[in-house]
């Protein structure tokens, strides 16, 4: 039998309205605290956190875009190409 919460999580992501928490961690030279600060969060240079409001899909898309910008053009190409 599927757990009721697992069943609920199968719905479309664009309708979820609960805040989405992000806890980025990194190695040098990336400053994930600056990334989290873009979303009213903060923390340490290598570990931070923030909460993004709205539908989870929108929150993930916004965070991903900011993350890719933080990486810079060369690493963006590596991440996007897989």
PDB file of N, CA and C in Angstrom:
ATOM      1  N   UNK A   1       0.845  -1.191   0.000  1.00  0.00           N
ATOM      2  CA  UNK A   1       0.000   0.000   0.000  1.00  0.00           C
ATOM      3  C   UNK A   1       0.887   1.250   0.000  1.00  0.00           C
ATOM      4  N   UNK A   2       0.566   2.194  -0.840  1.00  0.00           N
ATOM      5  CA  UNK A   2       1.341   3.427  -0.941  1.00  0.00           C
ATOM      6  C   UNK A   2       0.982   4.363   0.205  1.00  0.00           C
ATOM      7  N   UNK A   3       2.009   4.968   0.799  1.00  0.00           N
ATOM      8  CA  UNK A   3       1.801   5.924   1.880  1.00  0.00           C
ATOM      9  C   UNK A   3       1.004   7.119   1.353  1.00  0.00           C
ATOM     10  N   UNK A   4       0.067   7.669   2.154  1.00  0.00           N
ATOM     11  CA  UNK A   4      -0.750   8.791   1.670  1.00  0.00           C
ATOM     12  C   UNK A   4       0.064  10.004   1.226  1.00  0.00           C
ATOM     13  N   UNK A   5       1.172  10.285   1.907  1.00  0.00           N
ATOM     14  CA  UNK A   5       1.986  11.430   1.511  1.00  0.00           C
ATOM     15  C   UNK A   5       2.658  11.141   0.172  1.00  0.00           C
ATOM     16  N   UNK A   6       3.152   9.931  -0.020  1.00  0.00           N
ATOM     17  CA  UNK A   6       3.778   9.570  -1.298  1.00  0.00           C
ATOM     18  C   UNK A   6       2.764   9.698  -2.428  1.00  0.00           C
ATOM     19  N   UNK A   7       1.530   9.320  -2.163  1.00  0.00           N
ATOM     20  CA  UNK A   7       0.487   9.434  -3.178  1.00  0.00           C
ATOM     21  C   UNK A   7       0.271  10.912  -3.527  1.00  0.00           C
ATOM     22  N   UNK A   8       0.288  11.780  -2.523  1.00  0.00           N
ATOM     23  CA  UNK A   8       0.092  13.214  -2.741  1.00  0.00           C
ATOM     24  C   UNK A   8       1.248  13.815  -3.543  1.00  0.00           C
ATOM     25  N   UNK A   9       2.446  13.303  -3.360  1.00  0.00           N
ATOM     26  CA  UNK A   9       3.622  13.849  -4.021  1.00  0.00           C
ATOM     27  C   UNK A   9       3.684  13.514  -5.506  1.00  0.00           C
ATOM     28  N   UNK A  10       2.760  12.709  -5.987  1.00  0.00           N
ATOM     29  CA  UNK A  10       2.776  12.353  -7.398  1.00  0.00           C
ATOM     30  C   UNK A  10       2.036  13.370  -8.268  1.00  0.00           C
ATOM     31  N   UNK A  11       1.421  14.374  -7.658  1.00  0.00           N
ATOM     32  CA  UNK A  11       0.682  15.372  -8.417  1.00  0.00           C
ATOM     33  C   UNK A  11       1.594  16.320  -9.174  1.00  0.00           C
ATOM     34  N   UNK A  12       1.027  17.155 -10.028  1.00  0.00           N
ATOM     35  CA  UNK A  12       1.830  18.103 -10.795  1.00  0.00           C
ATOM     36  C   UNK A  12       2.545  19.102  -9.886  1.00  0.00           C
ATOM     37  N   UNK A  13       3.832  19.332 -10.150  1.00  0.00           N
ATOM     38  CA  UNK A  13       4.626  20.203  -9.293  1.00  0.00           C
ATOM     39  C   UNK A  13       4.167  21.651  -9.336  1.00  0.00           C
ATOM     40  N   UNK A  14       3.549  22.079 -10.411  1.00  0.00           N
ATOM     41  CA  UNK A  14       3.182  23.488 -10.515  1.00  0.00           C
ATOM     42  C   UNK A  14       2.027  23.880  -9.600  1.00  0.00           C
ATOM     43  N   UNK A  15       1.388  22.914  -8.928  1.00  0.00           N
ATOM     44  CA  UNK A  15       0.290  23.280  -8.033  1.00  0.00           C
ATOM     45  C   UNK A  15       0.703  23.267  -6.565  1.00  0.00           C
ATOM     46  N   UNK A  16       1.874  22.781  -6.241  1.00  0.00           N
ATOM     47  CA  UNK A  16       2.331  22.756  -4.850  1.00  0.00           C
ATOM     48  C   UNK A  16       2.662  24.163  -4.404  1.00  0.00           C
ATOM     49  N   UNK A  17       2.093  24.586  -3.294  1.00  0.00           N
ATOM     50  CA  UNK A  17       2.276  25.959  -2.846  1.00  0.00           C
ATOM     51  C   UNK A  17       3.088  26.061  -1.559  1.00  0.00           C
ATOM     52  N   UNK A  18       3.508  24.957  -0.978  1.00  0.00           N
ATOM     53  CA  UNK A  18       4.281  25.016   0.257  1.00  0.00           C
ATOM     54  C   UNK A  18       5.637  25.651  -0.017  1.00  0.00           C
ATOM     55  N   UNK A  19       6.188  26.365   0.963  1.00  0.00           N
ATOM     56  CA  UNK A  19       7.529  26.916   0.762  1.00  0.00           C
ATOM     57  C   UNK A  19       8.537  25.807   0.477  1.00  0.00           C
ATOM     58  N   UNK A  20       9.500  26.114  -0.360  1.00  0.00           N
ATOM     59  CA  UNK A  20      10.546  25.166  -0.731  1.00  0.00           C
ATOM     60  C   UNK A  20      11.835  25.583  -0.050  1.00  0.00           C
ATOM     61  N   UNK A  21      12.436  24.655   0.685  1.00  0.00           N
ATOM     62  CA  UNK A  21      13.687  24.952   1.368  1.00  0.00           C
ATOM     63  C   UNK A  21      14.854  24.440   0.545  1.00  0.00           C
ATOM     64  N   UNK A  22      15.882  25.256   0.458  1.00  0.00           N
ATOM     65  CA  UNK A  22      17.103  24.866  -0.242  1.00  0.00           C
ATOM     66  C   UNK A  22      18.267  24.993   0.729  1.00  0.00           C
ATOM     67  N   UNK A  23      19.159  24.019   0.702  1.00  0.00           N
ATOM     68  CA  UNK A  23      20.344  24.025   1.569  1.00  0.00           C
ATOM     69  C   UNK A  23      21.582  23.723   0.738  1.00  0.00           C
ATOM     70  N   UNK A  24      22.031  24.699  -0.052  1.00  0.00           N
ATOM     71  CA  UNK A  24      23.188  24.432  -0.907  1.00  0.00           C
ATOM     72  C   UNK A  24      24.482  24.285  -0.113  1.00  0.00           C
ATOM     73  N   UNK A  25      25.309  23.374  -0.549  1.00  0.00           N
ATOM     74  CA  UNK A  25      26.657  23.167  -0.014  1.00  0.00           C
ATOM     75  C   UNK A  25      27.614  23.195  -1.182  1.00  0.00           C
ATOM     76  N   UNK A  26      28.837  23.616  -0.931  1.00  0.00           N
ATOM     77  CA  UNK A  26      29.786  23.750  -2.025  1.00  0.00           C
ATOM     78  C   UNK A  26      31.208  23.584  -1.531  1.00  0.00           C
ATOM     79  N   UNK A  27      32.094  23.451  -2.482  1.00  0.00           N
ATOM     80  CA  UNK A  27      33.516  23.529  -2.213  1.00  0.00           C
ATOM     81  C   UNK A  27      34.017  24.845  -2.786  1.00  0.00           C
ATOM     82  N   UNK A  28      35.255  25.148  -2.552  1.00  0.00           N
ATOM     83  CA  UNK A  28      35.842  26.362  -3.102  1.00  0.00           C
ATOM     84  C   UNK A  28      35.765  26.310  -4.621  1.00  0.00           C
ATOM     85  N   UNK A  29      35.582  27.352  -5.319  1.00  0.00           N
ATOM     86  CA  UNK A  29      35.573  28.750  -4.916  1.00  0.00           C
ATOM     87  C   UNK A  29      34.167  29.330  -4.797  1.00  0.00           C
ATOM     88  N   UNK A  30      33.142  28.508  -4.791  1.00  0.00           N
ATOM     89  CA  UNK A  30      31.765  29.010  -4.857  1.00  0.00           C
ATOM     90  C   UNK A  30      31.248  29.418  -3.488  1.00  0.00           C
ATOM     91  N   UNK A  31      30.596  30.574  -3.429  1.00  0.00           N
ATOM     92  CA  UNK A  31      30.037  31.117  -2.200  1.00  0.00           C
ATOM     93  C   UNK A  31      28.527  30.898  -2.211  1.00  0.00           C
ATOM     94  N   UNK A  32      28.084  29.799  -1.599  1.00  0.00           N
ATOM     95  CA  UNK A  32      26.655  29.499  -1.614  1.00  0.00           C
ATOM     96  C   UNK A  32      25.864  30.388  -0.653  1.00  0.00           C
ATOM     97  N   UNK A  33      26.542  31.067   0.280  1.00  0.00           N
ATOM     98  CA  UNK A  33      25.835  32.030   1.136  1.00  0.00           C
ATOM     99  C   UNK A  33      25.308  33.183   0.282  1.00  0.00           C
ATOM    100  N   UNK A  34      26.102  33.635  -0.685  1.00  0.00           N
ATOM    101  CA  UNK A  34      25.645  34.700  -1.583  1.00  0.00           C
ATOM    102  C   UNK A  34      24.466  34.222  -2.425  1.00  0.00           C
ATOM    103  N   UNK A  35      24.487  32.956  -2.803  1.00  0.00           N
ATOM    104  CA  UNK A  35      23.366  32.380  -3.544  1.00  0.00           C
ATOM    105  C   UNK A  35      22.096  32.400  -2.682  1.00  0.00           C
ATOM    106  N   UNK A  36      22.204  31.938  -1.443  1.00  0.00           N
ATOM    107  CA  UNK A  36      21.048  31.909  -0.543  1.00  0.00           C
ATOM    108  C   UNK A  36      20.540  33.311  -0.217  1.00  0.00           C
ATOM    109  N   UNK A  37      21.456  34.281  -0.127  1.00  0.00           N
ATOM    110  CA  UNK A  37      21.058  35.659   0.181  1.00  0.00           C
ATOM    111  C   UNK A  37      20.151  36.244  -0.895  1.00  0.00           C
ATOM    112  N   UNK A  38      20.254  35.753  -2.111  1.00  0.00           N
ATOM    113  CA  UNK A  38      19.369  36.227  -3.186  1.00  0.00           C
ATOM    114  C   UNK A  38      17.909  35.881  -2.889  1.00  0.00           C
ATOM    115  N   UNK A  39      17.705  34.921  -1.981  1.00  0.00           N
ATOM    116  CA  UNK A  39      16.357  34.472  -1.638  1.00  0.00           C
ATOM    117  C   UNK A  39      16.074  34.700  -0.152  1.00  0.00           C
ATOM    118  N   UNK A  40      16.662  35.757   0.424  1.00  0.00           N
ATOM    119  CA  UNK A  40      16.476  36.157   1.822  1.00  0.00           C
ATOM    120  C   UNK A  40      16.975  35.102   2.801  1.00  0.00           C
ATOM    121  N   UNK A  41      17.957  34.334   2.390  1.00  0.00           N
ATOM    122  CA  UNK A  41      18.571  33.349   3.277  1.00  0.00           C
ATOM    123  C   UNK A  41      19.983  33.778   3.599  1.00  0.00           C
ATOM    124  N   UNK A  42      20.783  32.838   4.000  1.00  0.00           N
ATOM    125  CA  UNK A  42      22.164  33.145   4.319  1.00  0.00           C
ATOM    126  C   UNK A  42      22.859  31.930   4.892  1.00  0.00           C
ATOM    127  N   UNK A  43      23.988  32.166   5.497  1.00  0.00           N
ATOM    128  CA  UNK A  43      24.744  31.076   6.090  1.00  0.00           C
ATOM    129  C   UNK A  43      26.224  31.296   5.903  1.00  0.00           C
ATOM    130  N   UNK A  44      26.931  30.213   5.744  1.00  0.00           N
ATOM    131  CA  UNK A  44      28.376  30.249   5.596  1.00  0.00           C
ATOM    132  C   UNK A  44      28.754  30.154   4.117  1.00  0.00           C
ATOM    133  N   UNK A  45      29.981  30.513   3.840  1.00  0.00           N
ATOM    134  CA  UNK A  45      30.501  30.511   2.468  1.00  0.00           C
ATOM    135  C   UNK A  45      30.288  29.159   1.767  1.00  0.00           C
ATOM    136  N   UNK A  46      30.442  28.044   2.494  1.00  0.00           N
ATOM    137  CA  UNK A  46      30.350  26.715   1.894  1.00  0.00           C
ATOM    138  C   UNK A  46      29.062  25.963   2.214  1.00  0.00           C
ATOM    139  N   UNK A  47      28.224  26.512   3.095  1.00  0.00           N
ATOM    140  CA  UNK A  47      26.945  25.859   3.437  1.00  0.00           C
ATOM    141  C   UNK A  47      25.960  26.933   3.874  1.00  0.00           C
ATOM    142  N   UNK A  48      24.785  26.922   3.297  1.00  0.00           N
ATOM    143  CA  UNK A  48      23.807  27.962   3.601  1.00  0.00           C
ATOM    144  C   UNK A  48      22.393  27.418   3.426  1.00  0.00           C
ATOM    145  N   UNK A  49      21.408  28.297   3.540  1.00  0.00           N
ATOM    146  CA  UNK A  49      20.031  27.867   3.363  1.00  0.00           C
ATOM    147  C   UNK A  49      19.111  29.031   3.071  1.00  0.00           C
ATOM    148  N   UNK A  50      17.961  28.707   2.492  1.00  0.00           N
ATOM    149  CA  UNK A  50      16.951  29.710   2.202  1.00  0.00           C
ATOM    150  C   UNK A  50      15.613  29.008   1.976  1.00  0.00           C
ATOM    151  N   UNK A  51      14.554  29.800   2.004  1.00  0.00           N
ATOM    152  CA  UNK A  51      13.211  29.296   1.747  1.00  0.00           C
ATOM    153  C   UNK A  51      12.608  30.116   0.623  1.00  0.00           C
ATOM    154  N   UNK A  52      12.113  29.415  -0.392  1.00  0.00           N
ATOM    155  CA  UNK A  52      11.518  30.082  -1.547  1.00  0.00           C
ATOM    156  C   UNK A  52      10.008  29.869  -1.518  1.00  0.00           C
ATOM    157  N   UNK A  53       9.212  30.946  -1.637  1.00  0.00           N
ATOM    158  CA  UNK A  53       7.753  30.808  -1.623  1.00  0.00           C
ATOM    159  C   UNK A  53       7.214  30.375  -2.983  1.00  0.00           C
ATOM    160  N   UNK A  54       5.933  30.058  -2.992  1.00  0.00           N
ATOM    161  CA  UNK A  54       5.250  29.775  -4.254  1.00  0.00           C
ATOM    162  C   UNK A  54       5.283  28.320  -4.649  1.00  0.00           C
ATOM    163  N   UNK A  55       4.787  28.030  -5.835  1.00  0.00           N
ATOM    164  CA  UNK A  55       4.775  26.653  -6.324  1.00  0.00           C
ATOM    165  C   UNK A  55       6.197  26.094  -6.401  1.00  0.00           C
ATOM    166  N   UNK A  56       6.360  24.837  -6.061  1.00  0.00           N
ATOM    167  CA  UNK A  56       7.686  24.234  -6.013  1.00  0.00           C
ATOM    168  C   UNK A  56       8.395  24.308  -7.362  1.00  0.00           C
ATOM    169  N   UNK A  57       7.686  24.132  -8.447  1.00  0.00           N
ATOM    170  CA  UNK A  57       8.324  24.173  -9.769  1.00  0.00           C
ATOM    171  C   UNK A  57       8.921  25.553 -10.038  1.00  0.00           C
ATOM    172  N   UNK A  58       8.205  26.603  -9.683  1.00  0.00           N
ATOM    173  CA  UNK A  58       8.697  27.965  -9.871  1.00  0.00           C
ATOM    174  C   UNK A  58       9.921  28.200  -8.975  1.00  0.00           C
ATOM    175  N   UNK A  59       9.843  27.742  -7.724  1.00  0.00           N
ATOM    176  CA  UNK A  59      10.954  27.910  -6.790  1.00  0.00           C
ATOM    177  C   UNK A  59      12.207  27.190  -7.290  1.00  0.00           C
ATOM    178  N   UNK A  60      12.042  25.961  -7.735  1.00  0.00           N
ATOM    179  CA  UNK A  60      13.183  25.187  -8.234  1.00  0.00           C
ATOM    180  C   UNK A  60      13.776  25.848  -9.477  1.00  0.00           C
ATOM    181  N   UNK A  61      12.933  26.310 -10.375  1.00  0.00           N
ATOM    182  CA  UNK A  61      13.425  26.974 -11.588  1.00  0.00           C
ATOM    183  C   UNK A  61      14.219  28.241 -11.254  1.00  0.00           C
ATOM    184  N   UNK A  62      13.718  29.045 -10.293  1.00  0.00           N
ATOM    185  CA  UNK A  62      14.418  30.266  -9.897  1.00  0.00           C
ATOM    186  C   UNK A  62      15.757  29.933  -9.246  1.00  0.00           C
ATOM    187  N   UNK A  63      15.754  28.936  -8.359  1.00  0.00           N
ATOM    188  CA  UNK A  63      16.987  28.579  -7.669  1.00  0.00           C
ATOM    189  C   UNK A  63      18.007  28.003  -8.650  1.00  0.00           C
ATOM    190  N   UNK A  64      17.544  27.180  -9.562  1.00  0.00           N
ATOM    191  CA  UNK A  64      18.443  26.584 -10.553  1.00  0.00           C
ATOM    192  C   UNK A  64      19.078  27.663 -11.427  1.00  0.00           C
ATOM    193  N   UNK A  65      18.294  28.644 -11.842  1.00  0.00           N
ATOM    194  CA  UNK A  65      18.834  29.725 -12.667  1.00  0.00           C
ATOM    195  C   UNK A  65      19.901  30.512 -11.903  1.00  0.00           C
ATOM    196  N   UNK A  66      19.637  30.814 -10.634  1.00  0.00           N
ATOM    197  CA  UNK A  66      20.619  31.540  -9.826  1.00  0.00           C
ATOM    198  C   UNK A  66      21.870  30.689  -9.599  1.00  0.00           C
ATOM    199  N   UNK A  67      21.688  29.401  -9.399  1.00  0.00           N
ATOM    200  CA  UNK A  67      22.808  28.483  -9.205  1.00  0.00           C
ATOM    201  C   UNK A  67      23.689  28.429 -10.453  1.00  0.00           C
ATOM    202  N   UNK A  68      23.074  28.303 -11.623  1.00  0.00           N
ATOM    203  CA  UNK A  68      23.842  28.254 -12.865  1.00  0.00           C
ATOM    204  C   UNK A  68      24.579  29.568 -13.109  1.00  0.00           C
ATOM    205  N   UNK A  69      23.958  30.689 -12.771  1.00  0.00           N
ATOM    206  CA  UNK A  69      24.626  31.983 -12.896  1.00  0.00           C
ATOM    207  C   UNK A  69      25.844  32.037 -11.989  1.00  0.00           C
ATOM    208  N   UNK A  70      25.713  31.509 -10.764  1.00  0.00           N
ATOM    209  CA  UNK A  70      26.826  31.481  -9.826  1.00  0.00           C
ATOM    210  C   UNK A  70      27.999  30.666 -10.381  1.00  0.00           C
ATOM    211  N   UNK A  71      27.703  29.577 -11.077  1.00  0.00           N
ATOM    212  CA  UNK A  71      28.758  28.712 -11.591  1.00  0.00           C
ATOM    213  C   UNK A  71      29.595  29.380 -12.673  1.00  0.00           C
ATOM    214  N   UNK A  72      28.975  30.248 -13.447  1.00  0.00           N
ATOM    215  CA  UNK A  72      29.693  30.893 -14.539  1.00  0.00           C
ATOM    216  C   UNK A  72      29.523  30.119 -15.831  1.00  0.00           C
ATOM    217  N   UNK A  73      29.848  30.734 -16.956  1.00  0.00           N
ATOM    218  CA  UNK A  73      29.581  30.160 -18.283  1.00  0.00           C
ATOM    219  C   UNK A  73      30.210  28.786 -18.534  1.00  0.00           C
ATOM    220  N   UNK A  74      31.474  28.602 -18.143  1.00  0.00           N
ATOM    221  CA  UNK A  74      32.138  27.336 -18.453  1.00  0.00           C
ATOM    222  C   UNK A  74      31.470  26.169 -17.717  1.00  0.00           C
ATOM    223  N   UNK A  75      31.240  26.330 -16.419  1.00  0.00           N
ATOM    224  CA  UNK A  75      30.617  25.257 -15.659  1.00  0.00           C
ATOM    225  C   UNK A  75      29.140  25.082 -16.018  1.00  0.00           C
ATOM    226  N   UNK A  76      28.473  26.168 -16.398  1.00  0.00           N
ATOM    227  CA  UNK A  76      27.082  26.058 -16.846  1.00  0.00           C
ATOM    228  C   UNK A  76      26.976  25.088 -18.000  1.00  0.00           C
ATOM    229  N   UNK A  77      27.869  25.209 -18.963  1.00  0.00           N
ATOM    230  CA  UNK A  77      27.841  24.325 -20.127  1.00  0.00           C
ATOM    231  C   UNK A  77      28.030  22.872 -19.713  1.00  0.00           C
ATOM    232  N   UNK A  78      28.908  22.611 -18.739  1.00  0.00           N
ATOM    233  CA  UNK A  78      29.120  21.264 -18.256  1.00  0.00           C
ATOM    234  C   UNK A  78      27.879  20.699 -17.576  1.00  0.00           C
ATOM    235  N   UNK A  79      27.208  21.534 -16.763  1.00  0.00           N
ATOM    236  CA  UNK A  79      26.020  21.089 -16.044  1.00  0.00           C
ATOM    237  C   UNK A  79      24.865  20.841 -17.006  1.00  0.00           C
ATOM    238  N   UNK A  80      24.632  21.756 -17.912  1.00  0.00           N
ATOM    239  CA  UNK A  80      23.505  21.653 -18.845  1.00  0.00           C
ATOM    240  C   UNK A  80      23.687  20.477 -19.799  1.00  0.00           C
ATOM    241  N   UNK A  81      24.920  20.248 -20.259  1.00  0.00           N
ATOM    242  CA  UNK A  81      25.151  19.148 -21.208  1.00  0.00           C
ATOM    243  C   UNK A  81      25.154  17.787 -20.535  1.00  0.00           C
ATOM    244  N   UNK A  82      25.195  17.772 -19.225  1.00  0.00           N
ATOM    245  CA  UNK A  82      25.055  16.527 -18.497  1.00  0.00           C
ATOM    246  C   UNK A  82      26.315  15.841 -18.217  1.00  0.00           C
TER     247      UNK A  82
END
